[in-house]
């Protein structure tokens, strides 16, 4: 089975094939369906999928906000439109993944990196 980050990379390259157009909202709904299908079929979540659960809290810390809005809505708020937000999602995801590889590094609530 394809790992989550590999799937996201495929979507980034060819969004029309997976979600119709480069839209962060459509990407979010696709991933909700992906998550739901795992639950319904009893498929255990991979390490990447477990890690991705931390994307929302990480994003809120990065933008210094507290909200119940989805990560897609947060990114859209800081973007020009859906297509720009789609691009920004992948930029933010790359930053998130890079920080996850540094377990002793935390993003402080003021946006500074602490060790």
C-alpha atoms as a PDB file:
ATOM      1  CA  UNK A   1       0.000   0.000   0.000  1.00  0.00           C
ATOM      2  CA  UNK A   2       1.205   3.512  -0.792  1.00  0.00           C
ATOM      3  CA  UNK A   3       2.460   5.512   2.183  1.00  0.00           C
ATOM      4  CA  UNK A   4       0.647   8.769   2.962  1.00  0.00           C
ATOM      5  CA  UNK A   5       3.501  11.092   2.005  1.00  0.00           C
ATOM      6  CA  UNK A   6       4.028   9.215  -1.277  1.00  0.00           C
ATOM      7  CA  UNK A   7       0.318   9.601  -2.033  1.00  0.00           C
ATOM      8  CA  UNK A   8       0.462  13.310  -1.227  1.00  0.00           C
ATOM      9  CA  UNK A   9       3.458  13.667  -3.539  1.00  0.00           C
ATOM     10  CA  UNK A  10       1.460  12.053  -6.353  1.00  0.00           C
ATOM     11  CA  UNK A  11      -1.455  14.401  -5.687  1.00  0.00           C
ATOM     12  CA  UNK A  12       0.905  17.380  -5.729  1.00  0.00           C
ATOM     13  CA  UNK A  13       2.246  16.366  -9.149  1.00  0.00           C
ATOM     14  CA  UNK A  14      -1.134  15.479 -10.700  1.00  0.00           C
ATOM     15  CA  UNK A  15      -3.989  16.924  -8.633  1.00  0.00           C
ATOM     16  CA  UNK A  16      -6.481  16.504 -11.476  1.00  0.00           C
ATOM     17  CA  UNK A  17      -6.039  12.754 -11.360  1.00  0.00           C
ATOM     18  CA  UNK A  18      -6.929  12.534  -7.666  1.00  0.00           C
ATOM     19  CA  UNK A  19      -8.977  15.539  -6.564  1.00  0.00           C
ATOM     20  CA  UNK A  20     -10.022  17.319  -9.769  1.00  0.00           C
ATOM     21  CA  UNK A  21      -8.153  20.588  -9.346  1.00  0.00           C
ATOM     22  CA  UNK A  22      -5.407  22.048  -7.149  1.00  0.00           C
ATOM     23  CA  UNK A  23      -7.636  22.921  -4.190  1.00  0.00           C
ATOM     24  CA  UNK A  24      -6.653  22.689  -0.524  1.00  0.00           C
ATOM     25  CA  UNK A  25     -10.314  22.152   0.432  1.00  0.00           C
ATOM     26  CA  UNK A  26     -10.650  19.254  -2.010  1.00  0.00           C
ATOM     27  CA  UNK A  27      -7.361  17.820  -0.742  1.00  0.00           C
ATOM     28  CA  UNK A  28      -8.660  18.042   2.827  1.00  0.00           C
ATOM     29  CA  UNK A  29     -11.882  16.213   1.890  1.00  0.00           C
ATOM     30  CA  UNK A  30      -9.882  13.544   0.036  1.00  0.00           C
ATOM     31  CA  UNK A  31      -7.757  12.967   3.142  1.00  0.00           C
ATOM     32  CA  UNK A  32     -10.879  12.816   5.329  1.00  0.00           C
ATOM     33  CA  UNK A  33     -12.160  10.030   3.070  1.00  0.00           C
ATOM     34  CA  UNK A  34      -8.769   8.323   3.170  1.00  0.00           C
ATOM     35  CA  UNK A  35      -8.797   8.422   6.981  1.00  0.00           C
ATOM     36  CA  UNK A  36     -12.409   7.240   7.158  1.00  0.00           C
ATOM     37  CA  UNK A  37     -11.755   4.301   4.819  1.00  0.00           C
ATOM     38  CA  UNK A  38      -8.911   3.136   7.064  1.00  0.00           C
ATOM     39  CA  UNK A  39     -11.223   3.234  10.070  1.00  0.00           C
ATOM     40  CA  UNK A  40     -14.070   1.446   8.285  1.00  0.00           C
ATOM     41  CA  UNK A  41     -11.818  -1.290   6.914  1.00  0.00           C
ATOM     42  CA  UNK A  42      -9.866  -1.708  10.138  1.00  0.00           C
ATOM     43  CA  UNK A  43      -6.582  -0.806   8.453  1.00  0.00           C
ATOM     44  CA  UNK A  44      -4.038   0.273  11.074  1.00  0.00           C
ATOM     45  CA  UNK A  45      -2.589   3.735  10.644  1.00  0.00           C
ATOM     46  CA  UNK A  46       1.023   3.920   9.474  1.00  0.00           C
ATOM     47  CA  UNK A  47       3.707   5.922  11.254  1.00  0.00           C
ATOM     48  CA  UNK A  48       3.370   8.644   8.604  1.00  0.00           C
ATOM     49  CA  UNK A  49      -0.385   8.839   9.170  1.00  0.00           C
ATOM     50  CA  UNK A  50       0.142   9.066  12.927  1.00  0.00           C
ATOM     51  CA  UNK A  51       2.759  11.767  12.397  1.00  0.00           C
ATOM     52  CA  UNK A  52       0.425  13.727  10.098  1.00  0.00           C
ATOM     53  CA  UNK A  53      -2.104  14.000  12.953  1.00  0.00           C
ATOM     54  CA  UNK A  54       0.343  16.478  14.489  1.00  0.00           C
ATOM     55  CA  UNK A  55       0.204  18.739  11.415  1.00  0.00           C
ATOM     56  CA  UNK A  56      -2.855  20.659  12.676  1.00  0.00           C
ATOM     57  CA  UNK A  57      -1.378  21.505  16.118  1.00  0.00           C
ATOM     58  CA  UNK A  58       1.968  22.334  14.491  1.00  0.00           C
ATOM     59  CA  UNK A  59       0.243  24.676  12.018  1.00  0.00           C
ATOM     60  CA  UNK A  60      -1.641  26.455  14.792  1.00  0.00           C
ATOM     61  CA  UNK A  61       1.611  27.027  16.675  1.00  0.00           C
ATOM     62  CA  UNK A  62       3.313  28.265  13.524  1.00  0.00           C
ATOM     63  CA  UNK A  63       0.585  30.828  12.838  1.00  0.00           C
ATOM     64  CA  UNK A  64       0.040  31.574  16.537  1.00  0.00           C
ATOM     65  CA  UNK A  65      -3.665  30.803  16.438  1.00  0.00           C
ATOM     66  CA  UNK A  66      -6.069  28.634  18.377  1.00  0.00           C
ATOM     67  CA  UNK A  67      -8.976  27.400  16.304  1.00  0.00           C
ATOM     68  CA  UNK A  68     -11.289  24.498  15.676  1.00  0.00           C
ATOM     69  CA  UNK A  69     -11.038  25.177  11.930  1.00  0.00           C
ATOM     70  CA  UNK A  70      -9.335  22.544   9.797  1.00  0.00           C
ATOM     71  CA  UNK A  71      -5.747  22.888   8.654  1.00  0.00           C
ATOM     72  CA  UNK A  72      -7.148  23.513   5.163  1.00  0.00           C
ATOM     73  CA  UNK A  73      -9.145  26.529   6.387  1.00  0.00           C
ATOM     74  CA  UNK A  74      -6.148  27.882   8.282  1.00  0.00           C
ATOM     75  CA  UNK A  75      -3.935  27.635   5.197  1.00  0.00           C
ATOM     76  CA  UNK A  76      -6.673  29.149   3.017  1.00  0.00           C
ATOM     77  CA  UNK A  77      -6.912  32.102   5.400  1.00  0.00           C
ATOM     78  CA  UNK A  78      -3.239  32.884   4.719  1.00  0.00           C
ATOM     79  CA  UNK A  79      -3.455  32.290   0.947  1.00  0.00           C
ATOM     80  CA  UNK A  80      -4.757  34.172  -2.081  1.00  0.00           C
ATOM     81  CA  UNK A  81      -7.091  31.388  -3.260  1.00  0.00           C
ATOM     82  CA  UNK A  82      -7.589  27.600  -3.314  1.00  0.00           C
ATOM     83  CA  UNK A  83      -4.752  26.971  -5.780  1.00  0.00           C
ATOM     84  CA  UNK A  84      -2.342  29.139  -3.788  1.00  0.00           C
ATOM     85  CA  UNK A  85      -3.415  27.357  -0.596  1.00  0.00           C
ATOM     86  CA  UNK A  86      -2.807  23.989  -2.303  1.00  0.00           C
ATOM     87  CA  UNK A  87       0.767  25.077  -3.096  1.00  0.00           C
ATOM     88  CA  UNK A  88       1.211  26.502   0.394  1.00  0.00           C
ATOM     89  CA  UNK A  89       0.045  23.228   1.949  1.00  0.00           C
ATOM     90  CA  UNK A  90       2.927  21.353   0.346  1.00  0.00           C
ATOM     91  CA  UNK A  91       5.427  24.026   1.369  1.00  0.00           C
ATOM     92  CA  UNK A  92       4.147  23.838   4.954  1.00  0.00           C
ATOM     93  CA  UNK A  93       4.112  20.036   4.866  1.00  0.00           C
ATOM     94  CA  UNK A  94       7.780  19.999   3.814  1.00  0.00           C
ATOM     95  CA  UNK A  95       8.620  22.325   6.705  1.00  0.00           C
ATOM     96  CA  UNK A  96       6.594  20.169   9.116  1.00  0.00           C
ATOM     97  CA  UNK A  97       8.286  16.964   7.958  1.00  0.00           C
ATOM     98  CA  UNK A  98      11.739  18.522   8.262  1.00  0.00           C
ATOM     99  CA  UNK A  99      11.002  19.526  11.850  1.00  0.00           C
ATOM    100  CA  UNK A 100       9.628  16.069  12.661  1.00  0.00           C
ATOM    101  CA  UNK A 101      13.000  14.584  11.712  1.00  0.00           C
ATOM    102  CA  UNK A 102      14.557  16.667  14.493  1.00  0.00           C
ATOM    103  CA  UNK A 103      12.876  15.210  17.605  1.00  0.00           C
ATOM    104  CA  UNK A 104      14.773  17.441  20.021  1.00  0.00           C
ATOM    105  CA  UNK A 105      13.609  20.587  18.230  1.00  0.00           C
ATOM    106  CA  UNK A 106      10.294  22.119  19.175  1.00  0.00           C
ATOM    107  CA  UNK A 107       8.507  25.141  17.737  1.00  0.00           C
ATOM    108  CA  UNK A 108       7.779  27.437  20.662  1.00  0.00           C
ATOM    109  CA  UNK A 109       4.453  29.250  20.943  1.00  0.00           C
ATOM    110  CA  UNK A 110       6.175  32.483  19.914  1.00  0.00           C
ATOM    111  CA  UNK A 111       7.365  30.849  16.668  1.00  0.00           C
ATOM    112  CA  UNK A 112      10.982  30.460  17.774  1.00  0.00           C
ATOM    113  CA  UNK A 113      12.725  27.114  17.613  1.00  0.00           C
ATOM    114  CA  UNK A 114      13.888  25.743  20.951  1.00  0.00           C
ATOM    115  CA  UNK A 115      16.168  22.779  21.589  1.00  0.00           C
END
